[in-house]
């Protein structure tokens, strides 16, 4: 067992190559395992290969799950994602768009294919992500990449293919927090008034988005049987996703109950009387059906002279204005379906609600200017 040499004719030249044979007792089966590799061009490389083969003989799993290279983990992870895509047989699987996004992000790491997994350390990854940012990639994109790397190692750990994940305690890269963009009360009222006056087809969409704080997919999947006008409650049970259709659960899986503000009950009753569909919102608009409804609201906001927002920012507007108007933080959290109270609190802090007027008691006197004399100058004739 070990390293031996042999001769091989390559063209007109005879070369000396190395044959490596390694043997070890497998830690899982207790049986002796032997591996060979030929065609090694140099003795130093043959010695390195011998150590690698000996380790593989000892660590080789009988179930075939043995990840040593990055591409092995990558291929198994991608295959797992595609097996778990949402379908009729697997209704709680991953969204096709989510899987496509994950695959697209991981393509940035194809240069790592031949790397040993032990070399993909948090330090190495941090250096690589810094390089990507210097080449023009945004911090948000590198954070998405880091998230996928963490997911891959967690997947390998759960399969038993790796003993531990070096990324289990690694935090996401720091990003400057942006203010949650939202309409003011005046802007929201103007949006609805102008849309109502012009009989805009999106009026009811914007009214319900601002009043209930629903996601686009939740509003599109809302049926009249889910709306209890007497109790002033909406029961969210499903969503409608562009390209997929009806999905019988929400983003966070659990069903949700949403309170209906008293002032929009008459509008909902009128809409129900006029409706010819099981769905509350039934729009024959390619922007709505394809999930590109933000184009419509941006254009309308520009036209009426208010801040341009996306459709999802109407949800942010609902959250912000509810907090400004004194709705308790916990109630807003449950209403909009945030998993954590801290997520809702970000809107509270972003709007500066807790800071408004807090320094009015600061006893600093600002010197007042003396009233000046106004002298009338008349031209002399």
Protein backbone atom coordinates (compact mmCIF):
# COMPACT_ATOMS: atom_id res chain seq x y z
CA UNK A 1 0.00 0.00 0.00
CA UNK A 2 1.25 3.49 -0.73
CA UNK A 3 2.84 5.19 -3.72
CA UNK A 4 4.32 3.33 -6.70
CA UNK A 5 5.60 4.49 -10.08
CA UNK A 6 4.86 3.26 -13.58
CA UNK A 7 5.80 4.27 -17.11
CA UNK A 8 3.38 5.56 -19.70
CA UNK A 9 4.00 6.40 -23.36
CA UNK A 10 2.55 9.79 -24.19
CA UNK A 11 3.18 10.54 -27.86
CA UNK A 12 6.89 10.09 -28.49
CA UNK A 13 7.76 10.61 -24.83
CA UNK A 14 7.82 8.14 -21.95
CA UNK A 15 6.67 9.68 -18.68
CA UNK A 16 6.90 8.49 -15.10
CA UNK A 17 3.57 8.67 -13.32
CA UNK A 18 2.48 7.71 -9.81
CA UNK A 19 -0.15 5.23 -8.62
CA UNK A 20 -1.56 5.91 -5.17
CA UNK A 21 -3.23 3.14 -3.15
CA UNK A 22 -4.72 3.95 0.27
CA UNK A 23 -6.48 1.68 2.76
CA UNK A 24 -8.19 2.31 6.11
CA UNK A 25 -10.87 0.95 8.46
CA UNK A 26 -14.14 2.76 7.79
CA UNK A 27 -15.48 4.44 10.93
CA UNK A 28 -19.13 3.73 10.00
CA UNK A 29 -18.97 0.09 8.91
CA UNK A 30 -15.84 -1.16 10.64
CA UNK A 31 -14.75 -2.71 7.34
CA UNK A 32 -11.49 -2.20 5.46
CA UNK A 33 -11.88 0.14 2.46
CA UNK A 34 -9.33 0.58 -0.32
CA UNK A 35 -9.08 3.37 -2.89
CA UNK A 36 -6.72 3.95 -5.82
CA UNK A 37 -5.88 6.86 -8.04
CA UNK A 38 -3.47 6.75 -10.96
CA UNK A 39 -1.94 9.29 -13.32
CA UNK A 40 -0.45 11.54 -10.62
CA UNK A 41 2.31 13.64 -12.30
CA UNK A 42 4.61 14.27 -9.29
CA UNK A 43 5.64 12.69 -6.00
CA UNK A 44 4.61 15.66 -3.78
CA UNK A 45 1.15 15.62 -5.33
CA UNK A 46 0.98 11.83 -4.93
CA UNK A 47 1.75 12.21 -1.22
CA UNK A 48 -1.06 14.75 -0.88
CA UNK A 49 -3.48 12.45 -2.74
CA UNK A 50 -2.51 9.54 -0.46
CA UNK A 51 -3.58 11.50 2.65
CA UNK A 52 -6.80 12.54 0.95
CA UNK A 53 -7.68 8.97 -0.10
CA UNK A 54 -6.82 7.56 3.33
CA UNK A 55 -9.16 10.09 4.94
CA UNK A 56 -11.91 9.25 2.43
CA UNK A 57 -11.55 5.51 3.13
CA UNK A 58 -12.00 6.19 6.82
CA UNK A 59 -14.82 8.75 6.54
CA UNK A 60 -16.76 7.35 3.57
CA UNK A 61 -20.44 7.08 4.54
CA UNK A 62 -22.34 3.97 3.42
CA UNK A 63 -25.37 6.10 2.47
CA UNK A 64 -23.33 7.95 -0.15
CA UNK A 65 -23.62 11.38 1.52
CA UNK A 66 -20.02 12.59 1.57
CA UNK A 67 -19.37 16.24 0.86
CA UNK A 68 -15.79 17.38 0.64
CA UNK A 69 -15.95 19.87 -2.25
CA UNK A 70 -18.08 22.98 -2.60
CA UNK A 71 -19.69 21.79 -5.86
CA UNK A 72 -20.88 18.58 -4.17
CA UNK A 73 -22.74 20.51 -1.48
CA UNK A 74 -23.99 23.01 -4.07
CA UNK A 75 -25.40 20.34 -6.42
CA UNK A 76 -27.15 18.47 -3.62
CA UNK A 77 -28.61 21.72 -2.23
CA UNK A 78 -29.95 22.86 -5.61
CA UNK A 79 -31.42 19.42 -6.26
CA UNK A 80 -33.11 19.57 -2.85
CA UNK A 81 -34.61 23.00 -3.66
CA UNK A 82 -36.11 21.77 -6.94
CA UNK A 83 -37.53 18.68 -5.23
CA UNK A 84 -39.25 20.97 -2.72
CA UNK A 85 -40.83 23.39 -5.22
CA UNK A 86 -44.48 24.09 -4.40
CA UNK A 87 -46.93 21.88 -6.30
CA UNK A 88 -50.27 20.14 -5.82
CA UNK A 89 -48.43 17.17 -4.31
CA UNK A 90 -46.31 19.49 -2.13
CA UNK A 91 -48.50 22.54 -1.35
CA UNK A 92 -46.21 23.83 1.44
CA UNK A 93 -43.03 23.75 -0.66
CA UNK A 94 -40.86 26.63 -1.83
CA UNK A 95 -42.22 29.20 -4.26
CA UNK A 96 -40.79 28.71 -7.79
CA UNK A 97 -39.67 32.36 -7.74
CA UNK A 98 -37.80 31.84 -4.47
CA UNK A 99 -35.99 28.79 -5.88
CA UNK A 100 -35.10 30.66 -9.08
CA UNK A 101 -33.74 33.60 -7.02
CA UNK A 102 -31.62 31.29 -4.85
CA UNK A 103 -30.19 29.55 -7.92
CA UNK A 104 -29.43 32.90 -9.58
CA UNK A 105 -27.56 34.18 -6.52
CA UNK A 106 -25.49 31.03 -6.10
CA UNK A 107 -24.22 31.30 -9.68
CA UNK A 108 -21.96 34.10 -8.45
CA UNK A 109 -20.03 31.44 -6.50
CA UNK A 110 -19.28 29.06 -9.39
CA UNK A 111 -15.54 29.86 -9.10
CA UNK A 112 -15.57 28.01 -5.76
CA UNK A 113 -16.55 24.69 -7.39
CA UNK A 114 -13.28 22.81 -6.79
CA UNK A 115 -12.66 24.25 -3.32
CA UNK A 116 -12.57 21.95 -0.33
CA UNK A 117 -15.41 22.74 2.07
CA UNK A 118 -12.94 23.21 4.92
CA UNK A 119 -11.52 26.22 3.05
CA UNK A 120 -14.91 27.96 2.81
CA UNK A 121 -14.53 29.70 6.16
CA UNK A 122 -16.33 32.81 7.46
CA UNK A 123 -13.11 34.80 6.93
CA UNK A 124 -12.76 33.58 3.33
CA UNK A 125 -16.41 34.33 2.57
CA UNK A 126 -16.16 37.82 4.12
CA UNK A 127 -13.13 38.59 1.93
CA UNK A 128 -14.94 37.33 -1.18
CA UNK A 129 -18.06 39.37 -0.44
CA UNK A 130 -15.89 42.47 0.09
CA UNK A 131 -14.38 41.79 -3.35
CA UNK A 132 -17.84 41.52 -4.92
CA UNK A 133 -18.80 44.87 -3.40
CA UNK A 134 -15.64 46.53 -4.77
CA UNK A 135 -16.67 45.17 -8.18
CA UNK A 136 -20.05 46.90 -7.90
CA UNK A 137 -22.34 44.45 -6.09
CA UNK A 138 -24.62 46.07 -3.51
CA UNK A 139 -24.49 45.31 0.21
CA UNK A 140 -28.02 43.96 -0.04
CA UNK A 141 -26.92 41.45 -2.71
CA UNK A 142 -23.88 40.28 -0.72
CA UNK A 143 -26.13 39.80 2.29
CA UNK A 144 -28.40 37.61 0.15
CA UNK A 145 -25.34 35.59 -0.88
CA UNK A 146 -24.26 35.17 2.73
CA UNK A 147 -27.76 34.01 3.61
CA UNK A 148 -27.62 31.35 0.87
CA UNK A 149 -24.20 30.14 2.05
CA UNK A 150 -25.56 29.78 5.58
CA UNK A 151 -28.57 27.87 4.23
CA UNK A 152 -26.30 25.51 2.27
CA UNK A 153 -24.16 24.63 5.28
CA UNK A 154 -27.27 24.17 7.46
CA UNK A 155 -28.62 21.81 4.78
CA UNK A 156 -25.34 19.84 4.80
CA UNK A 157 -25.41 19.67 8.59
CA UNK A 158 -29.00 18.40 8.64
CA UNK A 159 -28.13 15.71 6.10
CA UNK A 160 -25.22 14.61 8.26
CA UNK A 161 -22.80 15.25 5.41
CA UNK A 162 -20.79 17.75 7.47
CA UNK A 163 -20.11 17.67 11.20
CA UNK A 164 -20.75 21.33 11.94
CA UNK A 165 -21.57 24.58 10.20
CA UNK A 166 -18.89 27.28 10.58
CA UNK A 167 -21.57 29.86 9.74
CA UNK A 168 -24.04 29.03 12.53
CA UNK A 169 -23.05 32.08 14.59
CA UNK A 170 -22.15 34.42 11.72
CA UNK A 171 -24.27 37.60 11.63
CA UNK A 172 -25.46 39.30 8.48
CA UNK A 173 -23.37 42.17 7.14
CA UNK A 174 -24.27 45.57 8.53
CA UNK A 175 -26.46 47.78 6.39
CA UNK A 176 -27.59 51.37 6.93
CA UNK A 177 -31.26 51.31 7.95
CA UNK A 178 -33.44 53.24 5.57
CA UNK A 179 -36.47 55.19 6.66
CA UNK A 180 -39.71 53.33 5.94
CA UNK A 181 -41.16 55.34 3.07
CA UNK A 182 -44.85 56.06 3.58
CA UNK A 183 -47.52 58.59 2.68
CA UNK A 184 -48.66 61.19 5.20
CA UNK A 185 -52.32 61.48 6.22
CA UNK A 186 -52.75 64.35 3.78
CA UNK A 187 -51.13 62.44 0.90
CA UNK A 188 -53.12 59.26 1.61
CA UNK A 189 -56.37 61.23 1.69
CA UNK A 190 -55.50 63.00 -1.55
CA UNK A 191 -54.68 59.69 -3.23
CA UNK A 192 -58.10 58.26 -2.33
CA UNK A 193 -60.03 61.47 -3.09
CA UNK A 194 -58.48 61.85 -6.55
CA UNK A 195 -58.90 58.14 -7.36
CA UNK A 196 -62.57 58.24 -6.29
CA UNK A 197 -63.26 61.43 -8.22
CA UNK A 198 -61.69 60.04 -11.41
CA UNK A 199 -63.34 56.64 -10.98
CA UNK A 200 -59.89 55.01 -11.12
CA UNK A 201 -60.06 51.17 -11.44
CA UNK A 202 -57.53 50.83 -8.60
CA UNK A 203 -59.53 52.94 -6.12
CA UNK A 204 -60.78 49.95 -4.11
CA UNK A 205 -57.34 48.32 -4.20
CA UNK A 206 -55.74 51.41 -2.69
CA UNK A 207 -58.58 51.96 -0.20
CA UNK A 208 -58.29 48.41 1.19
CA UNK A 209 -54.48 48.42 1.12
CA UNK A 210 -54.37 51.64 3.16
CA UNK A 211 -57.19 50.61 5.51
CA UNK A 212 -56.28 46.96 6.13
CA UNK A 213 -52.54 46.84 5.48
CA UNK A 214 -52.79 43.70 3.33
CA UNK A 215 -50.06 42.40 1.05
CA UNK A 216 -50.90 42.38 -2.66
CA UNK A 217 -51.14 38.56 -2.71
CA UNK A 218 -53.47 38.57 0.33
CA UNK A 219 -55.76 41.19 -1.18
CA UNK A 220 -55.86 39.36 -4.53
CA UNK A 221 -56.84 36.11 -2.79
CA UNK A 222 -59.51 37.68 -0.54
CA UNK A 223 -63.06 36.34 -1.07
CA UNK A 224 -66.34 37.78 0.14
CA UNK A 225 -66.91 34.72 2.32
CA UNK A 226 -63.81 35.83 4.27
CA UNK A 227 -65.32 39.26 5.03
CA UNK A 228 -67.65 39.62 8.04
CA UNK A 229 -69.11 43.10 7.75
CA UNK A 230 -71.25 42.72 10.89
CA UNK A 231 -68.28 41.83 13.10
CA UNK A 232 -65.99 44.15 11.08
CA UNK A 233 -63.40 41.40 10.61
CA UNK A 234 -61.51 39.90 7.67
CA UNK A 235 -60.31 36.29 7.84
CA UNK A 236 -57.22 35.80 5.69
CA UNK A 237 -56.84 32.17 4.57
CA UNK A 238 -55.21 32.21 1.14
CA UNK A 239 -53.18 34.28 -1.29
CA UNK A 240 -53.02 34.64 -5.04
CA UNK A 241 -49.50 34.72 -6.47
CA UNK A 242 -48.75 35.78 -10.09
CA UNK A 243 -47.69 32.76 -12.13
CA UNK A 244 -48.96 30.30 -9.49
CA UNK A 245 -52.58 31.23 -8.86
CA UNK A 246 -54.34 30.48 -5.57
CA UNK A 247 -52.18 29.19 -2.70
CA UNK A 248 -54.25 27.96 0.24
CA UNK A 249 -52.12 29.50 2.98
CA UNK A 250 -50.46 32.83 3.74
CA UNK A 251 -46.79 33.85 3.60
CA UNK A 252 -46.24 32.86 7.25
CA UNK A 253 -48.50 29.76 6.86
CA UNK A 254 -50.86 30.72 9.72
CA UNK A 255 -54.28 32.26 9.03
CA UNK A 256 -54.82 35.82 10.22
CA UNK A 257 -57.71 37.98 11.41
CA UNK A 258 -57.70 41.66 10.42
CA UNK A 259 -59.89 44.40 11.89
CA UNK A 260 -61.95 46.52 9.45
CA UNK A 261 -62.07 50.26 10.30
CA UNK A 262 -65.63 51.47 10.80
CA UNK A 263 -65.32 54.24 8.19
CA UNK A 264 -64.81 51.87 5.23
CA UNK A 265 -67.78 49.59 5.99
CA UNK A 266 -70.16 51.60 3.70
CA UNK A 267 -67.62 51.41 0.84
CA UNK A 268 -67.27 47.64 1.30
CA UNK A 269 -71.04 47.15 1.35
CA UNK A 270 -71.37 49.14 -1.88
CA UNK A 271 -68.54 47.15 -3.47
CA UNK A 272 -70.18 43.86 -2.45
CA UNK A 273 -73.50 44.88 -4.02
CA UNK A 274 -71.75 45.70 -7.29
CA UNK A 275 -69.51 42.61 -7.28
CA UNK A 276 -70.13 39.75 -9.72
CA UNK A 277 -67.25 37.65 -8.40
CA UNK A 278 -66.38 35.54 -5.36
CA UNK A 279 -63.28 37.69 -5.00
CA UNK A 280 -63.35 41.12 -3.37
CA UNK A 281 -60.92 42.51 -5.96
CA UNK A 282 -61.45 41.43 -9.56
CA UNK A 283 -59.36 43.58 -11.90
CA UNK A 284 -58.95 42.98 -15.61
CA UNK A 285 -55.54 44.63 -15.68
CA UNK A 286 -52.30 43.00 -16.81
CA UNK A 287 -50.31 45.04 -14.27
CA UNK A 288 -52.40 43.64 -11.41
CA UNK A 289 -52.44 40.08 -12.73
CA UNK A 290 -48.67 40.04 -13.34
CA UNK A 291 -47.79 41.60 -9.98
CA UNK A 292 -46.59 44.89 -11.52
CA UNK A 293 -49.22 47.10 -9.87
CA UNK A 294 -46.55 49.50 -8.56
CA UNK A 295 -46.26 51.00 -12.06
CA UNK A 296 -49.88 52.13 -11.79
CA UNK A 297 -49.67 53.83 -8.39
CA UNK A 298 -46.35 55.53 -9.11
CA UNK A 299 -47.72 57.06 -12.27
CA UNK A 300 -50.90 58.19 -10.48
CA UNK A 301 -48.95 59.71 -7.55
CA UNK A 302 -46.79 61.61 -10.03
CA UNK A 303 -49.89 62.83 -11.85
CA UNK A 304 -51.61 64.21 -8.71
CA UNK A 305 -48.40 65.65 -7.25
CA UNK A 306 -47.77 63.53 -4.16
CA UNK A 307 -44.83 61.36 -3.07
CA UNK A 308 -44.31 58.43 -5.46
CA UNK A 309 -44.66 55.13 -3.62
CA UNK A 310 -44.83 51.47 -4.54
CA UNK A 311 -47.90 49.36 -3.89
CA UNK A 312 -46.16 47.62 -0.97
CA UNK A 313 -45.47 51.04 0.56
CA UNK A 314 -49.22 51.45 0.99
CA UNK A 315 -48.88 48.67 3.56
CA UNK A 316 -46.06 50.64 5.18
CA UNK A 317 -48.35 53.69 5.13
CA UNK A 318 -51.10 51.73 6.92
CA UNK A 319 -48.66 50.63 9.64
CA UNK A 320 -47.14 54.09 10.09
CA UNK A 321 -50.45 55.99 10.17
CA UNK A 322 -52.00 53.43 12.54
CA UNK A 323 -49.12 53.99 14.97
CA UNK A 324 -49.31 57.78 14.54
CA UNK A 325 -53.05 57.61 15.34
CA UNK A 326 -52.39 55.73 18.56
CA UNK A 327 -53.23 52.14 17.63
CA UNK A 328 -51.21 49.96 20.07
CA UNK A 329 -48.01 48.43 18.68
CA UNK A 330 -49.12 44.87 19.50
CA UNK A 331 -52.46 45.34 17.73
CA UNK A 332 -50.75 46.64 14.58
CA UNK A 333 -48.33 43.69 14.67
CA UNK A 334 -51.18 41.15 14.77
CA UNK A 335 -53.19 43.04 12.17
CA UNK A 336 -50.42 43.07 9.54
CA UNK A 337 -49.00 39.64 10.39
CA UNK A 338 -45.46 40.50 11.46
CA UNK A 339 -43.68 37.53 13.04
CA UNK A 340 -41.78 39.76 15.49
CA UNK A 341 -42.78 42.88 17.42
CA UNK A 342 -39.37 44.37 16.54
CA UNK A 343 -40.38 44.42 12.85
CA UNK A 344 -43.41 46.59 13.63
CA UNK A 345 -41.32 48.72 16.00
CA UNK A 346 -39.03 49.65 13.10
CA UNK A 347 -41.93 51.59 11.56
CA UNK A 348 -42.57 53.25 14.93
CA UNK A 349 -38.97 54.43 15.18
CA UNK A 350 -38.68 55.26 11.48
CA UNK A 351 -41.61 57.65 11.69
CA UNK A 352 -40.10 59.33 14.78
CA UNK A 353 -43.40 58.88 16.67
CA UNK A 354 -41.65 58.31 19.99
CA UNK A 355 -39.42 61.37 19.52
CA UNK A 356 -41.95 64.00 18.48
CA UNK A 357 -42.06 66.84 21.03
CA UNK A 358 -39.79 65.06 23.50
CA UNK A 359 -37.27 67.93 23.65
CA UNK A 360 -39.80 70.76 23.92
CA UNK A 361 -39.01 71.02 27.63
CA UNK A 362 -35.36 71.85 26.92
CA UNK A 363 -34.77 75.22 28.62
CA UNK A 364 -32.75 77.03 26.03
CA UNK A 365 -33.66 80.65 25.35
CA UNK A 366 -33.24 81.90 21.84
CA UNK A 367 -32.38 85.64 21.78
CA UNK A 368 -35.06 87.60 19.97
CA UNK A 369 -34.11 90.31 17.50
CA UNK A 370 -35.19 93.85 18.33
CA UNK A 371 -38.03 95.12 16.22
CA UNK A 372 -36.59 97.31 13.50
CA UNK A 373 -38.02 100.64 12.48
CA UNK A 374 -39.74 100.70 9.11
CA UNK A 375 -38.90 103.92 7.28
CA UNK A 376 -41.05 104.86 4.35
CA UNK A 377 -38.97 106.27 1.54
CA UNK A 378 -40.85 108.41 -0.91
CA UNK A 379 -39.32 109.78 -3.98
CA UNK A 380 -39.11 113.52 -4.10
CA UNK A 381 -40.42 115.38 -7.05
